[in-house]
């Protein structure tokens, strides 16, 4: 069974940095686009960044451009390097991926359970 597990969240001071990781486990055929979303209470989930392959292309929300970097490797991992963090970056961050479990399977949306990032002094 395919699972996505995030790690790396925590408490950080404004201006600080954090790196989130997301590991995809389970038997699968291929992974398409990988994304990071975030959500705060009472608000819709927001797309933060996406990456198509290990060399890109990448896309970012305007609010994080120049501060966040998404990357992925060949071993089913995706990362989100977050620099110059602001209080408004506080949210639960979710990993998302389009996964084809078998050659003949359709691409299916998978989500992690989320990791809390709190930016506060």
PDB file of N, CA and C in Angstrom:
ATOM      1  N   UNK A   1       0.844  -1.182   0.000  1.00  0.00           N
ATOM      2  CA  UNK A   1       0.000   0.000   0.000  1.00  0.00           C
ATOM      3  C   UNK A   1       0.888   1.243   0.000  1.00  0.00           C
ATOM      4  N   UNK A   2       0.561   2.171  -0.881  1.00  0.00           N
ATOM      5  CA  UNK A   2       1.368   3.379  -1.005  1.00  0.00           C
ATOM      6  C   UNK A   2       1.050   4.333   0.139  1.00  0.00           C
ATOM      7  N   UNK A   3       2.103   4.877   0.731  1.00  0.00           N
ATOM      8  CA  UNK A   3       1.941   5.870   1.791  1.00  0.00           C
ATOM      9  C   UNK A   3       2.926   7.003   1.599  1.00  0.00           C
ATOM     10  N   UNK A   4       2.522   8.198   2.018  1.00  0.00           N
ATOM     11  CA  UNK A   4       3.397   9.354   2.041  1.00  0.00           C
ATOM     12  C   UNK A   4       3.542   9.783   3.495  1.00  0.00           C
ATOM     13  N   UNK A   5       4.775   9.961   3.930  1.00  0.00           N
ATOM     14  CA  UNK A   5       5.025  10.342   5.317  1.00  0.00           C
ATOM     15  C   UNK A   5       5.928  11.566   5.346  1.00  0.00           C
ATOM     16  N   UNK A   6       5.414  12.653   5.937  1.00  0.00           N
ATOM     17  CA  UNK A   6       6.184  13.888   6.065  1.00  0.00           C
ATOM     18  C   UNK A   6       6.965  13.890   7.372  1.00  0.00           C
ATOM     19  N   UNK A   7       8.046  14.643   7.390  1.00  0.00           N
ATOM     20  CA  UNK A   7       8.826  14.864   8.601  1.00  0.00           C
ATOM     21  C   UNK A   7       9.532  16.195   8.487  1.00  0.00           C
ATOM     22  N   UNK A   8      10.035  16.679   9.628  1.00  0.00           N
ATOM     23  CA  UNK A   8      10.839  17.891   9.613  1.00  0.00           C
ATOM     24  C   UNK A   8      10.141  19.135  10.119  1.00  0.00           C
ATOM     25  N   UNK A   9       8.865  19.031  10.436  1.00  0.00           N
ATOM     26  CA  UNK A   9       8.172  20.200  10.959  1.00  0.00           C
ATOM     27  C   UNK A   9       8.626  20.524  12.371  1.00  0.00           C
ATOM     28  N   UNK A  10       8.185  21.681  12.865  1.00  0.00           N
ATOM     29  CA  UNK A  10       8.543  22.061  14.220  1.00  0.00           C
ATOM     30  C   UNK A  10       8.357  23.535  14.447  1.00  0.00           C
ATOM     31  N   UNK A  11       8.953  24.011  15.531  1.00  0.00           N
ATOM     32  CA  UNK A  11       8.883  25.412  15.921  1.00  0.00           C
ATOM     33  C   UNK A  11      10.180  26.105  15.515  1.00  0.00           C
ATOM     34  N   UNK A  12      10.051  27.246  14.861  1.00  0.00           N
ATOM     35  CA  UNK A  12      11.222  27.992  14.417  1.00  0.00           C
ATOM     36  C   UNK A  12      10.950  29.483  14.586  1.00  0.00           C
ATOM     37  N   UNK A  13      11.985  30.249  14.836  1.00  0.00           N
ATOM     38  CA  UNK A  13      11.834  31.686  15.002  1.00  0.00           C
ATOM     39  C   UNK A  13      11.704  32.364  13.638  1.00  0.00           C
ATOM     40  N   UNK A  14      11.068  33.510  13.590  1.00  0.00           N
ATOM     41  CA  UNK A  14      11.005  34.262  12.334  1.00  0.00           C
ATOM     42  C   UNK A  14      12.405  34.509  11.787  1.00  0.00           C
ATOM     43  N   UNK A  15      12.532  34.325  10.477  1.00  0.00           N
ATOM     44  CA  UNK A  15      13.828  34.451   9.836  1.00  0.00           C
ATOM     45  C   UNK A  15      14.612  33.159   9.774  1.00  0.00           C
ATOM     46  N   UNK A  16      14.140  32.160  10.473  1.00  0.00           N
ATOM     47  CA  UNK A  16      14.833  30.878  10.506  1.00  0.00           C
ATOM     48  C   UNK A  16      14.508  29.999   9.316  1.00  0.00           C
ATOM     49  N   UNK A  17      15.058  28.781   9.359  1.00  0.00           N
ATOM     50  CA  UNK A  17      14.907  27.831   8.254  1.00  0.00           C
ATOM     51  C   UNK A  17      14.453  26.468   8.759  1.00  0.00           C
ATOM     52  N   UNK A  18      13.761  25.761   7.911  1.00  0.00           N
ATOM     53  CA  UNK A  18      13.370  24.374   8.147  1.00  0.00           C
ATOM     54  C   UNK A  18      13.378  23.642   6.822  1.00  0.00           C
ATOM     55  N   UNK A  19      13.648  22.354   6.885  1.00  0.00           N
ATOM     56  CA  UNK A  19      13.526  21.523   5.699  1.00  0.00           C
ATOM     57  C   UNK A  19      12.534  20.404   5.977  1.00  0.00           C
ATOM     58  N   UNK A  20      11.497  20.351   5.175  1.00  0.00           N
ATOM     59  CA  UNK A  20      10.518  19.280   5.264  1.00  0.00           C
ATOM     60  C   UNK A  20      10.900  18.164   4.292  1.00  0.00           C
ATOM     61  N   UNK A  21      10.646  16.938   4.714  1.00  0.00           N
ATOM     62  CA  UNK A  21      10.891  15.781   3.863  1.00  0.00           C
ATOM     63  C   UNK A  21       9.606  14.976   3.747  1.00  0.00           C
ATOM     64  N   UNK A  22       9.469  14.311   2.621  1.00  0.00           N
ATOM     65  CA  UNK A  22       8.327  13.432   2.419  1.00  0.00           C
ATOM     66  C   UNK A  22       8.824  12.164   1.735  1.00  0.00           C
ATOM     67  N   UNK A  23       8.553  11.041   2.374  1.00  0.00           N
ATOM     68  CA  UNK A  23       8.976   9.758   1.841  1.00  0.00           C
ATOM     69  C   UNK A  23       7.776   8.983   1.322  1.00  0.00           C
ATOM     70  N   UNK A  24       7.902   8.496   0.100  1.00  0.00           N
ATOM     71  CA  UNK A  24       6.863   7.647  -0.484  1.00  0.00           C
ATOM     72  C   UNK A  24       7.274   6.192  -0.299  1.00  0.00           C
ATOM     73  N   UNK A  25       6.397   5.414   0.292  1.00  0.00           N
ATOM     74  CA  UNK A  25       6.699   3.997   0.499  1.00  0.00           C
ATOM     75  C   UNK A  25       5.634   3.135  -0.160  1.00  0.00           C
ATOM     76  N   UNK A  26       5.993   1.854  -0.351  1.00  0.00           N
ATOM     77  CA  UNK A  26       5.056   0.918  -0.953  1.00  0.00           C
ATOM     78  C   UNK A  26       5.403   0.623  -2.392  1.00  0.00           C
ATOM     79  N   UNK A  27       4.810  -0.398  -2.901  1.00  0.00           N
ATOM     80  CA  UNK A  27       5.057  -0.827  -4.273  1.00  0.00           C
ATOM     81  C   UNK A  27       4.292   0.057  -5.250  1.00  0.00           C
ATOM     82  N   UNK A  28       5.003   0.588  -6.230  1.00  0.00           N
ATOM     83  CA  UNK A  28       4.358   1.446  -7.211  1.00  0.00           C
ATOM     84  C   UNK A  28       5.112   1.405  -8.520  1.00  0.00           C
ATOM     85  N   UNK A  29       4.464   1.886  -9.592  1.00  0.00           N
ATOM     86  CA  UNK A  29       5.100   1.886 -10.902  1.00  0.00           C
ATOM     87  C   UNK A  29       5.836   3.197 -11.163  1.00  0.00           C
ATOM     88  N   UNK A  30       5.187   4.325 -10.899  1.00  0.00           N
ATOM     89  CA  UNK A  30       5.834   5.614 -11.160  1.00  0.00           C
ATOM     90  C   UNK A  30       5.175   6.720 -10.343  1.00  0.00           C
ATOM     91  N   UNK A  31       5.954   7.789 -10.156  1.00  0.00           N
ATOM     92  CA  UNK A  31       5.472   8.983  -9.457  1.00  0.00           C
ATOM     93  C   UNK A  31       5.512  10.145 -10.432  1.00  0.00           C
ATOM     94  N   UNK A  32       4.411  10.860 -10.538  1.00  0.00           N
ATOM     95  CA  UNK A  32       4.365  12.027 -11.400  1.00  0.00           C
ATOM     96  C   UNK A  32       4.719  13.273 -10.617  1.00  0.00           C
ATOM     97  N   UNK A  33       3.877  14.281 -10.750  1.00  0.00           N
ATOM     98  CA  UNK A  33       4.129  15.547 -10.072  1.00  0.00           C
ATOM     99  C   UNK A  33       4.044  15.354  -8.553  1.00  0.00           C
ATOM    100  N   UNK A  34       4.978  15.997  -7.856  1.00  0.00           N
ATOM    101  CA  UNK A  34       4.965  15.992  -6.399  1.00  0.00           C
ATOM    102  C   UNK A  34       4.768  17.434  -5.937  1.00  0.00           C
ATOM    103  N   UNK A  35       4.033  17.604  -4.858  1.00  0.00           N
ATOM    104  CA  UNK A  35       3.635  18.940  -4.415  1.00  0.00           C
ATOM    105  C   UNK A  35       3.695  19.063  -2.893  1.00  0.00           C
ATOM    106  N   UNK A  36       3.799  20.266  -2.437  1.00  0.00           N
ATOM    107  CA  UNK A  36       3.611  20.614  -1.031  1.00  0.00           C
ATOM    108  C   UNK A  36       2.447  21.595  -0.944  1.00  0.00           C
ATOM    109  N   UNK A  37       1.538  21.306  -0.046  1.00  0.00           N
ATOM    110  CA  UNK A  37       0.423  22.183   0.264  1.00  0.00           C
ATOM    111  C   UNK A  37       0.551  22.599   1.735  1.00  0.00           C
ATOM    112  N   UNK A  38      -0.197  23.620   2.102  1.00  0.00           N
ATOM    113  CA  UNK A  38      -0.289  23.973   3.512  1.00  0.00           C
ATOM    114  C   UNK A  38      -1.706  24.452   3.819  1.00  0.00           C
ATOM    115  N   UNK A  39      -2.057  24.332   5.083  1.00  0.00           N
ATOM    116  CA  UNK A  39      -3.405  24.712   5.498  1.00  0.00           C
ATOM    117  C   UNK A  39      -3.386  25.235   6.912  1.00  0.00           C
ATOM    118  N   UNK A  40      -4.126  26.324   7.129  1.00  0.00           N
ATOM    119  CA  UNK A  40      -4.331  26.865   8.460  1.00  0.00           C
ATOM    120  C   UNK A  40      -5.818  26.745   8.792  1.00  0.00           C
ATOM    121  N   UNK A  41      -6.148  26.746  10.076  1.00  0.00           N
ATOM    122  CA  UNK A  41      -7.563  26.560  10.482  1.00  0.00           C
ATOM    123  C   UNK A  41      -8.477  27.584   9.822  1.00  0.00           C
ATOM    124  N   UNK A  42      -9.570  27.097   9.283  1.00  0.00           N
ATOM    125  CA  UNK A  42     -10.559  27.974   8.686  1.00  0.00           C
ATOM    126  C   UNK A  42     -10.258  28.411   7.268  1.00  0.00           C
ATOM    127  N   UNK A  43      -9.131  27.959   6.724  1.00  0.00           N
ATOM    128  CA  UNK A  43      -8.758  28.354   5.360  1.00  0.00           C
ATOM    129  C   UNK A  43      -8.630  27.138   4.468  1.00  0.00           C
ATOM    130  N   UNK A  44      -8.738  27.383   3.160  1.00  0.00           N
ATOM    131  CA  UNK A  44      -8.567  26.298   2.209  1.00  0.00           C
ATOM    132  C   UNK A  44      -7.107  25.896   2.124  1.00  0.00           C
ATOM    133  N   UNK A  45      -6.912  24.647   1.746  1.00  0.00           N
ATOM    134  CA  UNK A  45      -5.553  24.174   1.554  1.00  0.00           C
ATOM    135  C   UNK A  45      -4.934  24.927   0.378  1.00  0.00           C
ATOM    136  N   UNK A  46      -3.693  25.373   0.554  1.00  0.00           N
ATOM    137  CA  UNK A  46      -3.007  26.218  -0.423  1.00  0.00           C
ATOM    138  C   UNK A  46      -1.837  25.467  -1.045  1.00  0.00           C
ATOM    139  N   UNK A  47      -1.733  25.492  -2.369  1.00  0.00           N
ATOM    140  CA  UNK A  47      -0.581  24.896  -3.047  1.00  0.00           C
ATOM    141  C   UNK A  47       0.632  25.789  -2.838  1.00  0.00           C
ATOM    142  N   UNK A  48       1.677  25.237  -2.266  1.00  0.00           N
ATOM    143  CA  UNK A  48       2.894  25.980  -1.971  1.00  0.00           C
ATOM    144  C   UNK A  48       3.911  25.829  -3.099  1.00  0.00           C
ATOM    145  N   UNK A  49       4.156  24.600  -3.510  1.00  0.00           N
ATOM    146  CA  UNK A  49       5.169  24.351  -4.536  1.00  0.00           C
ATOM    147  C   UNK A  49       4.910  23.001  -5.195  1.00  0.00           C
ATOM    148  N   UNK A  50       5.375  22.888  -6.445  1.00  0.00           N
ATOM    149  CA  UNK A  50       5.265  21.615  -7.150  1.00  0.00           C
ATOM    150  C   UNK A  50       6.517  21.389  -7.976  1.00  0.00           C
ATOM    151  N   UNK A  51       6.783  20.106  -8.257  1.00  0.00           N
ATOM    152  CA  UNK A  51       7.936  19.750  -9.068  1.00  0.00           C
ATOM    153  C   UNK A  51       7.570  18.542  -9.911  1.00  0.00           C
ATOM    154  N   UNK A  52       7.973  18.570 -11.201  1.00  0.00           N
ATOM    155  CA  UNK A  52       7.555  17.528 -12.125  1.00  0.00           C
ATOM    156  C   UNK A  52       8.540  16.354 -12.135  1.00  0.00           C
ATOM    157  N   UNK A  53       9.806  16.640 -12.294  1.00  0.00           N
ATOM    158  CA  UNK A  53      10.827  15.597 -12.293  1.00  0.00           C
ATOM    159  C   UNK A  53      11.965  16.042 -11.389  1.00  0.00           C
ATOM    160  N   UNK A  54      13.017  15.234 -11.315  1.00  0.00           N
ATOM    161  CA  UNK A  54      14.131  15.587 -10.442  1.00  0.00           C
ATOM    162  C   UNK A  54      14.826  16.873 -10.895  1.00  0.00           C
ATOM    163  N   UNK A  55      14.666  17.241 -12.177  1.00  0.00           N
ATOM    164  CA  UNK A  55      15.298  18.463 -12.679  1.00  0.00           C
ATOM    165  C   UNK A  55      14.284  19.564 -12.938  1.00  0.00           C
ATOM    166  N   UNK A  56      13.067  19.380 -12.472  1.00  0.00           N
ATOM    167  CA  UNK A  56      12.041  20.402 -12.625  1.00  0.00           C
ATOM    168  C   UNK A  56      11.083  20.048 -13.726  1.00  0.00           C
ATOM    169  N   UNK A  57      10.242  20.965 -14.224  1.00  0.00           N
ATOM    170  CA  UNK A  57      10.133  22.330 -13.750  1.00  0.00           C
ATOM    171  C   UNK A  57       9.461  22.424 -12.382  1.00  0.00           C
ATOM    172  N   UNK A  58       9.642  23.565 -11.754  1.00  0.00           N
ATOM    173  CA  UNK A  58       9.062  23.836 -10.457  1.00  0.00           C
ATOM    174  C   UNK A  58       8.147  25.054 -10.545  1.00  0.00           C
ATOM    175  N   UNK A  59       7.204  25.073  -9.635  1.00  0.00           N
ATOM    176  CA  UNK A  59       6.301  26.208  -9.522  1.00  0.00           C
ATOM    177  C   UNK A  59       6.094  26.531  -8.054  1.00  0.00           C
ATOM    178  N   UNK A  60       5.928  27.814  -7.770  1.00  0.00           N
ATOM    179  CA  UNK A  60       5.787  28.260  -6.386  1.00  0.00           C
ATOM    180  C   UNK A  60       4.636  29.254  -6.254  1.00  0.00           C
ATOM    181  N   UNK A  61       4.017  29.227  -5.088  1.00  0.00           N
ATOM    182  CA  UNK A  61       3.066  30.279  -4.757  1.00  0.00           C
ATOM    183  C   UNK A  61       3.833  31.593  -4.633  1.00  0.00           C
ATOM    184  N   UNK A  62       3.189  32.691  -5.016  1.00  0.00           N
ATOM    185  CA  UNK A  62       3.863  33.996  -4.947  1.00  0.00           C
ATOM    186  C   UNK A  62       4.364  34.300  -3.540  1.00  0.00           C
ATOM    187  N   UNK A  63       3.636  33.831  -2.556  1.00  0.00           N
ATOM    188  CA  UNK A  63       3.973  34.149  -1.164  1.00  0.00           C
ATOM    189  C   UNK A  63       5.272  33.498  -0.697  1.00  0.00           C
ATOM    190  N   UNK A  64       5.755  32.495  -1.422  1.00  0.00           N
ATOM    191  CA  UNK A  64       6.968  31.794  -0.980  1.00  0.00           C
ATOM    192  C   UNK A  64       8.113  31.885  -1.986  1.00  0.00           C
ATOM    193  N   UNK A  65       7.877  32.505  -3.132  1.00  0.00           N
ATOM    194  CA  UNK A  65       8.921  32.613  -4.151  1.00  0.00           C
ATOM    195  C   UNK A  65      10.147  33.304  -3.596  1.00  0.00           C
ATOM    196  N   UNK A  66      11.316  32.717  -3.881  1.00  0.00           N
ATOM    197  CA  UNK A  66      12.565  33.288  -3.397  1.00  0.00           C
ATOM    198  C   UNK A  66      12.940  32.858  -1.998  1.00  0.00           C
ATOM    199  N   UNK A  67      12.015  32.228  -1.291  1.00  0.00           N
ATOM    200  CA  UNK A  67      12.296  31.775   0.078  1.00  0.00           C
ATOM    201  C   UNK A  67      12.252  30.250   0.214  1.00  0.00           C
ATOM    202  N   UNK A  68      11.389  29.608  -0.545  1.00  0.00           N
ATOM    203  CA  UNK A  68      11.224  28.152  -0.466  1.00  0.00           C
ATOM    204  C   UNK A  68      11.785  27.499  -1.725  1.00  0.00           C
ATOM    205  N   UNK A  69      12.313  26.291  -1.554  1.00  0.00           N
ATOM    206  CA  UNK A  69      12.815  25.517  -2.686  1.00  0.00           C
ATOM    207  C   UNK A  69      12.322  24.087  -2.573  1.00  0.00           C
ATOM    208  N   UNK A  70      11.679  23.619  -3.629  1.00  0.00           N
ATOM    209  CA  UNK A  70      11.231  22.231  -3.674  1.00  0.00           C
ATOM    210  C   UNK A  70      12.229  21.420  -4.492  1.00  0.00           C
ATOM    211  N   UNK A  71      12.485  20.192  -4.044  1.00  0.00           N
ATOM    212  CA  UNK A  71      13.371  19.302  -4.789  1.00  0.00           C
ATOM    213  C   UNK A  71      12.909  17.865  -4.565  1.00  0.00           C
ATOM    214  N   UNK A  72      13.391  16.974  -5.432  1.00  0.00           N
ATOM    215  CA  UNK A  72      13.069  15.561  -5.283  1.00  0.00           C
ATOM    216  C   UNK A  72      14.249  14.748  -5.766  1.00  0.00           C
ATOM    217  N   UNK A  73      14.292  13.484  -5.320  1.00  0.00           N
ATOM    218  CA  UNK A  73      15.370  12.617  -5.768  1.00  0.00           C
ATOM    219  C   UNK A  73      14.781  11.415  -6.498  1.00  0.00           C
ATOM    220  N   UNK A  74      15.648  10.475  -6.842  1.00  0.00           N
ATOM    221  CA  UNK A  74      15.198   9.299  -7.587  1.00  0.00           C
ATOM    222  C   UNK A  74      14.716   8.173  -6.677  1.00  0.00           C
ATOM    223  N   UNK A  75      14.711   8.458  -5.378  1.00  0.00           N
ATOM    224  CA  UNK A  75      14.347   7.397  -4.452  1.00  0.00           C
ATOM    225  C   UNK A  75      13.060   7.724  -3.699  1.00  0.00           C
ATOM    226  N   UNK A  76      12.133   8.342  -4.416  1.00  0.00           N
ATOM    227  CA  UNK A  76      10.785   8.546  -3.878  1.00  0.00           C
ATOM    228  C   UNK A  76      10.764   9.503  -2.701  1.00  0.00           C
ATOM    229  N   UNK A  77      11.604  10.537  -2.746  1.00  0.00           N
ATOM    230  CA  UNK A  77      11.614  11.568  -1.713  1.00  0.00           C
ATOM    231  C   UNK A  77      11.371  12.926  -2.344  1.00  0.00           C
ATOM    232  N   UNK A  78      10.661  13.775  -1.625  1.00  0.00           N
ATOM    233  CA  UNK A  78      10.511  15.166  -2.029  1.00  0.00           C
ATOM    234  C   UNK A  78      10.773  16.028  -0.800  1.00  0.00           C
ATOM    235  N   UNK A  79      11.391  17.183  -1.033  1.00  0.00           N
ATOM    236  CA  UNK A  79      11.808  18.053   0.050  1.00  0.00           C
ATOM    237  C   UNK A  79      11.263  19.463  -0.159  1.00  0.00           C
ATOM    238  N   UNK A  80      11.166  20.195   0.941  1.00  0.00           N
ATOM    239  CA  UNK A  80      10.824  21.613   0.858  1.00  0.00           C
ATOM    240  C   UNK A  80      11.759  22.354   1.806  1.00  0.00           C
ATOM    241  N   UNK A  81      12.718  23.061   1.208  1.00  0.00           N
ATOM    242  CA  UNK A  81      13.631  23.890   1.984  1.00  0.00           C
ATOM    243  C   UNK A  81      12.962  25.235   2.180  1.00  0.00           C
ATOM    244  N   UNK A  82      12.788  25.632   3.429  1.00  0.00           N
ATOM    245  CA  UNK A  82      12.088  26.880   3.744  1.00  0.00           C
ATOM    246  C   UNK A  82      13.039  27.816   4.477  1.00  0.00           C
ATOM    247  N   UNK A  83      13.323  28.943   3.865  1.00  0.00           N
ATOM    248  CA  UNK A  83      14.209  29.950   4.449  1.00  0.00           C
ATOM    249  C   UNK A  83      13.438  31.236   4.720  1.00  0.00           C
ATOM    250  N   UNK A  84      14.038  32.085   5.532  1.00  0.00           N
ATOM    251  CA  UNK A  84      13.432  33.387   5.855  1.00  0.00           C
ATOM    252  C   UNK A  84      11.975  33.227   6.253  1.00  0.00           C
ATOM    253  N   UNK A  85      11.733  32.317   7.154  1.00  0.00           N
ATOM    254  CA  UNK A  85      10.357  31.997   7.529  1.00  0.00           C
ATOM    255  C   UNK A  85       9.677  33.171   8.235  1.00  0.00           C
ATOM    256  N   UNK A  86       8.386  33.290   7.963  1.00  0.00           N
ATOM    257  CA  UNK A  86       7.575  34.354   8.540  1.00  0.00           C
ATOM    258  C   UNK A  86       6.436  33.724   9.354  1.00  0.00           C
ATOM    259  N   UNK A  87       5.853  34.518  10.218  1.00  0.00           N
ATOM    260  CA  UNK A  87       4.763  33.994  11.044  1.00  0.00           C
ATOM    261  C   UNK A  87       3.599  33.500  10.171  1.00  0.00           C
ATOM    262  N   UNK A  88       3.406  34.129   9.035  1.00  0.00           N
ATOM    263  CA  UNK A  88       2.313  33.714   8.156  1.00  0.00           C
ATOM    264  C   UNK A  88       2.585  32.394   7.440  1.00  0.00           C
ATOM    265  N   UNK A  89       3.785  31.853   7.589  1.00  0.00           N
ATOM    266  CA  UNK A  89       4.074  30.518   7.054  1.00  0.00           C
ATOM    267  C   UNK A  89       3.607  29.418   7.996  1.00  0.00           C
ATOM    268  N   UNK A  90       3.172  29.797   9.176  1.00  0.00           N
ATOM    269  CA  UNK A  90       2.670  28.818  10.138  1.00  0.00           C
ATOM    270  C   UNK A  90       1.470  28.088   9.562  1.00  0.00           C
ATOM    271  N   UNK A  91       1.552  26.769   9.531  1.00  0.00           N
ATOM    272  CA  UNK A  91       0.491  25.954   8.933  1.00  0.00           C
ATOM    273  C   UNK A  91       0.837  24.485   9.105  1.00  0.00           C
ATOM    274  N   UNK A  92      -0.118  23.640   8.771  1.00  0.00           N
ATOM    275  CA  UNK A  92       0.177  22.220   8.592  1.00  0.00           C
ATOM    276  C   UNK A  92       0.554  22.034   7.126  1.00  0.00           C
ATOM    277  N   UNK A  93       1.697  21.427   6.888  1.00  0.00           N
ATOM    278  CA  UNK A  93       2.204  21.219   5.536  1.00  0.00           C
ATOM    279  C   UNK A  93       1.961  19.774   5.121  1.00  0.00           C
ATOM    280  N   UNK A  94       1.417  19.610   3.928  1.00  0.00           N
ATOM    281  CA  UNK A  94       1.060  18.295   3.409  1.00  0.00           C
ATOM    282  C   UNK A  94       1.836  17.992   2.130  1.00  0.00           C
ATOM    283  N   UNK A  95       2.288  16.783   2.038  1.00  0.00           N
ATOM    284  CA  UNK A  95       2.916  16.266   0.822  1.00  0.00           C
ATOM    285  C   UNK A  95       1.847  15.613  -0.043  1.00  0.00           C
ATOM    286  N   UNK A  96       1.962  15.803  -1.350  1.00  0.00           N
ATOM    287  CA  UNK A  96       0.980  15.251  -2.289  1.00  0.00           C
ATOM    288  C   UNK A  96       1.716  14.747  -3.527  1.00  0.00           C
ATOM    289  N   UNK A  97       1.251  13.642  -4.085  1.00  0.00           N
ATOM    290  CA  UNK A  97       1.897  13.116  -5.290  1.00  0.00           C
ATOM    291  C   UNK A  97       0.892  12.393  -6.173  1.00  0.00           C
ATOM    292  N   UNK A  98       1.131  12.496  -7.475  1.00  0.00           N
ATOM    293  CA  UNK A  98       0.360  11.723  -8.455  1.00  0.00           C
ATOM    294  C   UNK A  98       1.103  10.418  -8.673  1.00  0.00           C
ATOM    295  N   UNK A  99       0.470   9.316  -8.348  1.00  0.00           N
ATOM    296  CA  UNK A  99       1.164   8.024  -8.372  1.00  0.00           C
ATOM    297  C   UNK A  99       0.406   7.032  -9.235  1.00  0.00           C
ATOM    298  N   UNK A 100       1.176   6.317 -10.048  1.00  0.00           N
ATOM    299  CA  UNK A 100       0.625   5.213 -10.836  1.00  0.00           C
ATOM    300  C   UNK A 100       1.103   3.931 -10.174  1.00  0.00           C
ATOM    301  N   UNK A 101       0.182   3.176  -9.598  1.00  0.00           N
ATOM    302  CA  UNK A 101       0.565   2.000  -8.811  1.00  0.00           C
ATOM    303  C   UNK A 101       1.036   0.867  -9.719  1.00  0.00           C
ATOM    304  N   UNK A 102       0.339   0.674 -10.812  1.00  0.00           N
ATOM    305  CA  UNK A 102       0.735  -0.349 -11.798  1.00  0.00           C
ATOM    306  C   UNK A 102       0.788   0.315 -13.167  1.00  0.00           C
ATOM    307  N   UNK A 103       1.421  -0.354 -14.122  1.00  0.00           N
ATOM    308  CA  UNK A 103       1.555   0.196 -15.466  1.00  0.00           C
ATOM    309  C   UNK A 103       0.185   0.582 -16.024  1.00  0.00           C
ATOM    310  N   UNK A 104      -0.831  -0.208 -15.757  1.00  0.00           N
ATOM    311  CA  UNK A 104      -2.149  -0.008 -16.330  1.00  0.00           C
ATOM    312  C   UNK A 104      -3.067   0.822 -15.439  1.00  0.00           C
ATOM    313  N   UNK A 105      -2.544   1.253 -14.307  1.00  0.00           N
ATOM    314  CA  UNK A 105      -3.372   2.002 -13.359  1.00  0.00           C
ATOM    315  C   UNK A 105      -3.424   3.475 -13.742  1.00  0.00           C
ATOM    316  N   UNK A 106      -4.513   4.151 -13.414  1.00  0.00           N
ATOM    317  CA  UNK A 106      -4.565   5.597 -13.632  1.00  0.00           C
ATOM    318  C   UNK A 106      -3.713   6.313 -12.587  1.00  0.00           C
ATOM    319  N   UNK A 107      -3.336   7.552 -12.901  1.00  0.00           N
ATOM    320  CA  UNK A 107      -2.659   8.355 -11.889  1.00  0.00           C
ATOM    321  C   UNK A 107      -3.641   8.655 -10.763  1.00  0.00           C
ATOM    322  N   UNK A 108      -3.187   8.437  -9.541  1.00  0.00           N
ATOM    323  CA  UNK A 108      -4.037   8.635  -8.373  1.00  0.00           C
ATOM    324  C   UNK A 108      -3.368   9.609  -7.421  1.00  0.00           C
ATOM    325  N   UNK A 109      -4.186  10.437  -6.810  1.00  0.00           N
ATOM    326  CA  UNK A 109      -3.734  11.450  -5.859  1.00  0.00           C
ATOM    327  C   UNK A 109      -3.495  10.819  -4.483  1.00  0.00           C
ATOM    328  N   UNK A 110      -2.280  10.977  -3.960  1.00  0.00           N
ATOM    329  CA  UNK A 110      -1.983  10.488  -2.618  1.00  0.00           C
ATOM    330  C   UNK A 110      -1.539  11.661  -1.747  1.00  0.00           C
ATOM    331  N   UNK A 111      -1.897  11.569  -0.454  1.00  0.00           N
ATOM    332  CA  UNK A 111      -1.581  12.624   0.501  1.00  0.00           C
ATOM    333  C   UNK A 111      -0.900  12.051   1.738  1.00  0.00           C
ATOM    334  N   UNK A 112      -0.017  12.857   2.303  1.00  0.00           N
ATOM    335  CA  UNK A 112       0.537  12.523   3.597  1.00  0.00           C
ATOM    336  C   UNK A 112      -0.390  12.997   4.708  1.00  0.00           C
ATOM    337  N   UNK A 113       0.021  12.743   5.947  1.00  0.00           N
ATOM    338  CA  UNK A 113      -0.813  13.073   7.087  1.00  0.00           C
ATOM    339  C   UNK A 113      -0.591  14.512   7.567  1.00  0.00           C
ATOM    340  N   UNK A 114       0.448  15.145   7.083  1.00  0.00           N
ATOM    341  CA  UNK A 114       0.729  16.526   7.441  1.00  0.00           C
ATOM    342  C   UNK A 114       1.744  16.652   8.563  1.00  0.00           C
ATOM    343  N   UNK A 115       2.471  17.765   8.540  1.00  0.00           N
ATOM    344  CA  UNK A 115       3.421  18.080   9.596  1.00  0.00           C
ATOM    345  C   UNK A 115       3.275  19.559   9.950  1.00  0.00           C
ATOM    346  N   UNK A 116       3.249  19.847  11.231  1.00  0.00           N
ATOM    347  CA  UNK A 116       3.014  21.211  11.697  1.00  0.00           C
ATOM    348  C   UNK A 116       4.297  22.034  11.638  1.00  0.00           C
ATOM    349  N   UNK A 117       4.188  23.216  11.063  1.00  0.00           N
ATOM    350  CA  UNK A 117       5.266  24.197  11.074  1.00  0.00           C
ATOM    351  C   UNK A 117       4.746  25.435  11.791  1.00  0.00           C
ATOM    352  N   UNK A 118       5.441  25.828  12.832  1.00  0.00           N
ATOM    353  CA  UNK A 118       5.059  27.006  13.598  1.00  0.00           C
ATOM    354  C   UNK A 118       6.213  27.994  13.607  1.00  0.00           C
ATOM    355  N   UNK A 119       5.948  29.195  13.139  1.00  0.00           N
ATOM    356  CA  UNK A 119       6.972  30.245  13.103  1.00  0.00           C
ATOM    357  C   UNK A 119       6.589  31.289  14.144  1.00  0.00           C
ATOM    358  N   UNK A 120       7.364  31.335  15.196  1.00  0.00           N
ATOM    359  CA  UNK A 120       7.027  32.232  16.310  1.00  0.00           C
ATOM    360  C   UNK A 120       8.257  32.516  17.143  1.00  0.00           C
ATOM    361  N   UNK A 121       8.290  33.711  17.710  1.00  0.00           N
ATOM    362  CA  UNK A 121       9.384  34.053  18.620  1.00  0.00           C
ATOM    363  C   UNK A 121       8.980  33.753  20.052  1.00  0.00           C
TER     364      UNK A 121
END
